Amino acid sequence: MESDNTELIEGVKTFFVVPDLSQMPEDFLLNFFLKGFETYYLLDDSSLDIRSKIQVLFSIFPSLILFFNTDREVCGIHWPDYIRSLKASYGDRAKIGVLFSRQADEAVQQSIEKTYLFDIGIYCGCIPMEGSKARNLLLLMGVLTANEARGRRKALRAICDESCEFHFEIGGFEYKGWIREISISHFSCVFDGFDPGLRMYEKVVDVRLKLAGTVCTADGVLFTKRKVDGVLLHIFIFRNSRNKTGLDPDTQAKVNAFIRSLFDRGIQSIAQKGFEAQKAKGENRLDSLRASPA
């Protein structure tokens, strides 16, 4: 299942470059996503060098934040020089932060901060990481919030295809259809056949949601109806078991994991195509040089 590329490319994308997974394991990304932050890891591997990968990211995504783990040594890169070159090349688009292990020697830590914050002038902070993963999660959540990494969206939404379905019953009658988009706050849908004729703000209980391989049940309140391209959309706001806006924790985790899987697959696919194109350009240039007469 693929989300619309325009929807995927828009919004703030945050990449942690060569992260230390002992300080920030991959489940951090799911926690960030639940709070509305689109975050990804950019790893150093043999497929393409880090410089080229970052060049591709700037060419694809209009709003980008990069956090560099400067403790990690990457062949051919001196972090201060490279980060300075990014600022020179991309100007205000180069929203950059630096992560490093907290130093026991305060003078060393102050020197690191001086280099990146004052000499180079990065915008997104110089963050000393802790030994505690729990503390790092809270620390980075605060850093993402301070840098407005959520953008204008309060909750991330997935654009669905017809493999995402719903159904519920009212008065012994079953109503079903397709989910057009879903977030942890709401979903929009199109009925297949009969419209139940719900009143505005009427509550529907036990709506069964089929999201690819994920199945869950939630209550919803009809928030509005509108026609889009000649099709009548119903938009429901989720209500939890306490009759408050939102989902119960277990259901929220399932919905969030589904949405993140769509974003993750989509972004990885878009980026990978860019990486492959960049690699092909490099190989073509090399072939051209080899073919040139001495």
Protein backbone atom coordinates (compact mmCIF):
# COMPACT_ATOMS: atom_id res chain seq x y z
CA MET A 1 0.00 0.00 0.00
CA GLU A 2 1.41 3.40 -0.96
CA SER A 3 0.38 6.79 0.34
CA ASP A 4 0.23 9.68 -2.07
CA ASN A 5 3.78 10.97 -2.67
CA THR A 6 2.79 14.62 -2.40
CA GLU A 7 1.29 14.00 1.03
CA LEU A 8 4.41 12.09 2.06
CA ILE A 9 6.93 14.66 0.86
CA GLU A 10 5.16 17.60 2.53
CA GLY A 11 5.73 18.40 6.19
CA VAL A 12 8.85 18.53 8.31
CA LYS A 13 11.14 15.50 8.02
CA THR A 14 13.71 14.94 10.76
CA PHE A 15 16.65 12.62 10.12
CA PHE A 16 19.05 11.43 12.81
CA VAL A 17 22.31 10.88 10.94
CA VAL A 18 24.37 7.83 12.01
CA PRO A 19 22.63 7.64 15.42
CA ASP A 20 24.03 5.75 18.40
CA LEU A 21 21.35 3.06 18.82
CA SER A 22 22.55 2.30 22.34
CA GLN A 23 21.49 5.81 23.33
CA MET A 24 18.41 6.09 21.11
CA PRO A 25 17.00 2.71 19.98
CA GLU A 26 14.62 2.41 17.05
CA ASP A 27 11.50 2.39 19.22
CA PHE A 28 12.21 6.10 19.82
CA LEU A 29 10.90 6.73 16.29
CA LEU A 30 7.52 5.23 17.12
CA ASN A 31 7.28 7.36 20.28
CA PHE A 32 8.14 10.49 18.30
CA PHE A 33 5.59 9.61 15.62
CA LEU A 34 2.85 9.19 18.21
CA LYS A 35 3.46 12.83 19.21
CA GLY A 36 3.24 13.99 15.59
CA PHE A 37 6.97 14.07 14.75
CA GLU A 38 8.10 12.45 11.51
CA THR A 39 11.56 11.10 12.31
CA TYR A 40 13.89 8.68 10.55
CA TYR A 41 17.40 7.28 10.88
CA LEU A 42 20.00 7.83 8.15
CA LEU A 43 22.62 5.08 8.39
CA ASP A 44 26.11 4.78 6.99
CA ASP A 45 26.32 1.77 4.69
CA SER A 46 27.97 0.65 1.48
CA SER A 47 25.03 1.57 -0.77
CA LEU A 48 25.91 5.28 -0.95
CA ASP A 49 28.07 7.65 1.07
CA ILE A 50 26.50 9.91 3.69
CA ARG A 51 27.34 13.13 1.81
CA SER A 52 25.47 11.93 -1.28
CA LYS A 53 22.52 10.69 0.76
CA ILE A 54 22.11 14.06 2.44
CA GLN A 55 22.36 15.83 -0.90
CA VAL A 56 19.48 13.64 -2.12
CA LEU A 57 17.38 14.42 0.99
CA PHE A 58 17.76 18.15 0.38
CA SER A 59 16.71 17.66 -3.24
CA ILE A 60 13.52 15.77 -2.27
CA PHE A 61 12.16 17.24 0.96
CA PRO A 62 11.38 20.97 1.19
CA SER A 63 11.47 21.04 5.01
CA LEU A 64 14.30 19.09 6.59
CA ILE A 65 15.99 18.89 10.01
CA LEU A 66 19.23 16.92 10.45
CA PHE A 67 20.69 15.82 13.77
CA PHE A 68 24.27 14.54 13.46
CA ASN A 69 25.80 12.08 15.92
CA THR A 70 29.28 13.60 15.92
CA ASP A 71 30.68 10.85 18.17
CA ARG A 72 30.51 8.51 15.19
CA GLU A 73 33.48 8.57 12.85
CA VAL A 74 32.54 8.36 9.17
CA CYS A 75 35.24 7.85 6.57
CA GLY A 76 36.10 11.03 4.71
CA ILE A 77 34.04 13.36 6.94
CA HIS A 78 35.28 15.85 9.51
CA TRP A 79 32.02 16.87 11.15
CA PRO A 80 32.69 20.56 11.84
CA ASP A 81 33.95 21.17 8.28
CA TYR A 82 31.13 19.17 6.71
CA ILE A 83 28.37 20.84 8.75
CA ARG A 84 29.86 24.24 7.95
CA SER A 85 29.78 23.33 4.24
CA LEU A 86 26.10 22.35 4.49
CA LYS A 87 25.25 25.74 5.98
CA ALA A 88 27.19 27.45 3.19
CA SER A 89 25.42 25.39 0.50
CA TYR A 90 21.85 25.44 1.80
CA GLY A 91 21.66 28.53 4.00
CA ASP A 92 18.55 28.70 6.18
CA ARG A 93 17.30 25.39 4.74
CA ALA A 94 20.12 23.66 6.62
CA LYS A 95 18.39 23.22 9.97
CA ILE A 96 21.02 21.27 11.86
CA GLY A 97 21.51 19.94 15.36
CA VAL A 98 24.34 17.96 16.91
CA LEU A 99 24.18 15.01 19.32
CA PHE A 100 27.17 13.90 21.38
CA SER A 101 27.81 11.91 24.55
CA ARG A 102 27.81 14.06 27.67
CA GLN A 103 31.39 14.82 28.62
CA ALA A 104 32.78 14.36 32.12
CA ASP A 105 35.21 17.18 31.39
CA GLU A 106 33.11 20.35 31.31
CA ALA A 107 35.76 22.23 29.33
CA VAL A 108 35.57 19.62 26.55
CA GLN A 109 31.79 19.90 26.42
CA GLN A 110 31.96 23.68 26.31
CA SER A 111 34.45 23.45 23.45
CA ILE A 112 32.08 21.20 21.45
CA GLU A 113 29.19 23.57 22.05
CA LYS A 114 31.29 26.59 21.10
CA THR A 115 32.36 24.96 17.81
CA TYR A 116 28.86 24.13 16.63
CA LEU A 117 26.66 26.79 18.25
CA PHE A 118 28.86 29.87 18.01
CA ASP A 119 31.58 29.22 15.42
CA ILE A 120 29.40 27.39 12.88
CA GLY A 121 26.04 28.73 14.07
CA ILE A 122 23.78 25.68 13.88
CA TYR A 123 20.12 26.38 14.65
CA CYS A 124 18.75 23.24 16.27
CA GLY A 125 20.94 22.79 19.29
CA CYS A 126 23.97 20.94 20.58
CA ILE A 127 22.58 18.13 22.71
CA PRO A 128 24.62 16.11 25.21
CA MET A 129 23.12 12.62 25.30
CA GLU A 130 22.76 10.71 28.57
CA GLY A 131 23.50 7.11 29.46
CA SER A 132 19.81 6.62 30.29
CA LYS A 133 17.58 5.87 27.28
CA ALA A 134 14.50 7.07 29.18
CA ARG A 135 16.13 10.45 29.80
CA ASN A 136 17.24 10.69 26.19
CA LEU A 137 13.69 10.06 24.98
CA LEU A 138 12.36 12.95 27.06
CA LEU A 139 15.33 15.11 26.12
CA LEU A 140 14.88 14.56 22.39
CA MET A 141 11.12 15.00 22.62
CA GLY A 142 11.78 18.44 24.08
CA VAL A 143 14.36 19.22 21.39
CA LEU A 144 11.93 18.26 18.60
CA THR A 145 9.21 20.41 20.18
CA ALA A 146 11.54 23.39 20.57
CA ASN A 147 12.55 23.12 16.90
CA GLU A 148 8.91 22.89 15.72
CA ALA A 149 9.65 19.55 14.08
CA ARG A 150 5.94 18.74 14.09
CA GLY A 151 5.25 21.54 11.62
CA ARG A 152 1.64 22.66 11.35
CA ARG A 153 0.16 19.19 11.80
CA LYS A 154 -1.11 18.16 15.23
CA ALA A 155 -1.44 14.52 14.21
CA LEU A 156 -0.02 12.63 11.25
CA ARG A 157 -2.58 11.10 8.92
CA ALA A 158 -2.37 8.28 6.43
CA ILE A 159 -4.03 8.37 3.03
CA CYS A 160 -5.59 4.92 2.54
CA ASP A 161 -6.56 2.84 -0.47
CA GLU A 162 -9.52 0.47 -0.80
CA SER A 163 -7.82 -2.27 1.22
CA CYS A 164 -8.69 -0.21 4.33
CA GLU A 165 -12.29 -0.90 5.29
CA PHE A 166 -14.77 -0.29 8.10
CA HIS A 167 -18.15 -1.54 9.18
CA PHE A 168 -20.58 -1.08 12.07
CA GLU A 169 -24.13 -1.97 12.98
CA ILE A 170 -27.09 0.23 13.91
CA GLY A 171 -30.48 -1.28 14.71
CA GLY A 172 -29.51 -4.65 13.30
CA PHE A 173 -28.36 -3.22 9.96
CA GLU A 174 -24.73 -3.39 8.87
CA TYR A 175 -23.08 -0.43 7.18
CA LYS A 176 -19.69 -0.65 5.56
CA GLY A 177 -17.31 1.12 3.23
CA TRP A 178 -13.76 2.33 2.74
CA ILE A 179 -11.49 4.46 4.89
CA ARG A 180 -10.00 7.36 2.93
CA GLU A 181 -7.67 8.73 5.60
CA ILE A 182 -6.96 8.04 9.24
CA SER A 183 -5.07 9.59 12.14
CA ILE A 184 -5.12 8.93 15.88
CA SER A 185 -7.77 11.66 16.17
CA HIS A 186 -10.19 10.93 13.31
CA PHE A 187 -10.96 9.01 10.15
CA SER A 188 -12.81 9.87 6.96
CA CYS A 189 -14.74 7.30 4.99
CA VAL A 190 -17.05 6.55 2.07
CA PHE A 191 -20.06 4.28 2.52
CA ASP A 192 -20.58 1.34 0.20
CA GLY A 193 -24.27 1.33 -0.63
CA PHE A 194 -26.61 2.52 2.09
CA ASP A 195 -25.89 5.70 4.00
CA PRO A 196 -27.15 5.31 7.60
CA GLY A 197 -28.35 8.93 7.63
CA LEU A 198 -26.50 9.85 10.81
CA ARG A 199 -27.18 13.18 12.46
CA MET A 200 -24.30 15.56 13.09
CA TYR A 201 -22.41 14.66 16.29
CA GLU A 202 -24.22 11.32 16.54
CA LYS A 203 -22.10 8.63 18.17
CA VAL A 204 -21.47 5.24 16.55
CA VAL A 205 -20.10 2.46 18.75
CA ASP A 206 -17.91 -0.52 17.90
CA VAL A 207 -16.72 0.63 14.48
CA ARG A 208 -14.53 -2.19 13.18
CA LEU A 209 -11.50 -0.83 11.32
CA LYS A 210 -9.49 -3.03 8.98
CA LEU A 211 -6.14 -1.37 8.28
CA ALA A 212 -4.18 -3.72 6.03
CA GLY A 213 -3.23 -6.53 8.44
CA THR A 214 -4.37 -4.61 11.51
CA VAL A 215 -7.91 -4.92 12.86
CA CYS A 216 -9.22 -2.82 15.74
CA THR A 217 -12.48 -1.43 17.11
CA ALA A 218 -13.30 2.12 18.18
CA ASP A 219 -16.19 4.49 18.73
CA GLY A 220 -16.66 7.61 16.66
CA VAL A 221 -18.75 10.77 16.53
CA LEU A 222 -19.81 12.18 13.17
CA PHE A 223 -18.07 15.52 12.92
CA THR A 224 -18.93 16.64 9.41
CA LYS A 225 -19.83 15.57 5.88
CA ARG A 226 -18.51 17.02 2.66
CA LYS A 227 -18.34 16.19 -1.02
CA VAL A 228 -14.90 15.66 -2.56
CA ASP A 229 -14.72 14.99 -6.29
CA GLY A 230 -18.40 14.16 -6.28
CA VAL A 231 -18.05 11.61 -3.45
CA LEU A 232 -19.67 12.16 -0.04
CA LEU A 233 -17.12 11.87 2.76
CA HIS A 234 -18.11 11.29 6.39
CA ILE A 235 -15.53 12.42 8.97
CA PHE A 236 -15.66 10.80 12.40
CA ILE A 237 -13.82 11.94 15.52
CA PHE A 238 -12.64 9.05 17.71
CA ARG A 239 -14.07 8.68 21.21
CA ASN A 240 -12.44 6.45 23.82
CA SER A 241 -13.98 4.29 26.57
CA ARG A 242 -14.11 7.34 28.89
CA ASN A 243 -16.15 9.16 26.23
CA LYS A 244 -13.30 11.59 25.65
CA THR A 245 -11.83 12.59 22.31
CA GLY A 246 -9.21 10.10 21.17
CA LEU A 247 -8.53 6.39 21.29
CA ASP A 248 -7.87 3.93 24.09
CA PRO A 249 -4.12 3.23 24.48
CA ASP A 250 -4.12 -0.23 22.86
CA THR A 251 -6.12 0.93 19.84
CA GLN A 252 -4.09 4.11 19.57
CA ALA A 253 -0.89 2.08 19.46
CA LYS A 254 -2.28 -0.09 16.63
CA VAL A 255 -3.49 2.86 14.58
CA ASN A 256 -0.27 4.77 15.13
CA ALA A 257 1.85 1.77 14.13
CA PHE A 258 -0.20 1.36 10.95
CA ILE A 259 0.15 5.04 10.00
CA ARG A 260 3.86 5.04 10.74
CA SER A 261 4.39 1.90 8.65
CA LEU A 262 2.82 3.69 5.66
CA PHE A 263 4.98 6.77 6.16
CA ASP A 264 8.11 4.73 6.80
CA ARG A 265 7.69 2.53 3.73
CA GLY A 266 6.75 5.51 1.58
CA ILE A 267 9.61 7.76 2.69
CA GLN A 268 12.14 4.93 2.51
CA SER A 269 10.95 4.11 -1.03
CA ILE A 270 11.15 7.75 -2.16
CA ALA A 271 14.58 8.21 -0.59
CA GLN A 272 15.90 4.91 -1.94
CA LYS A 273 14.91 5.84 -5.49
CA GLY A 274 16.79 9.11 -5.03
CA PHE A 275 19.83 7.28 -3.64
CA GLU A 276 19.85 4.84 -6.56
CA ALA A 277 19.59 7.68 -9.09
CA GLN A 278 22.45 9.52 -7.37
CA LYS A 279 24.57 6.36 -7.34
CA ALA A 280 23.88 5.82 -11.06
CA LYS A 281 25.01 9.39 -11.81
CA GLY A 282 28.26 8.76 -9.97
CA GLU A 283 28.85 5.49 -11.83
CA ASN A 284 28.08 7.17 -15.17
CA ARG A 285 30.57 9.95 -14.43
CA LEU A 286 33.19 7.37 -13.49
CA ASP A 287 32.54 5.40 -16.70
CA SER A 288 32.81 8.62 -18.69
CA LEU A 289 36.18 9.45 -17.12
CA ARG A 290 37.44 5.94 -17.84
CA ALA A 291 36.33 6.21 -21.47
CA SER A 292 37.98 9.62 -22.01
CA PRO A 293 41.28 9.57 -23.92
CA ALA A 294 44.35 10.15 -21.80
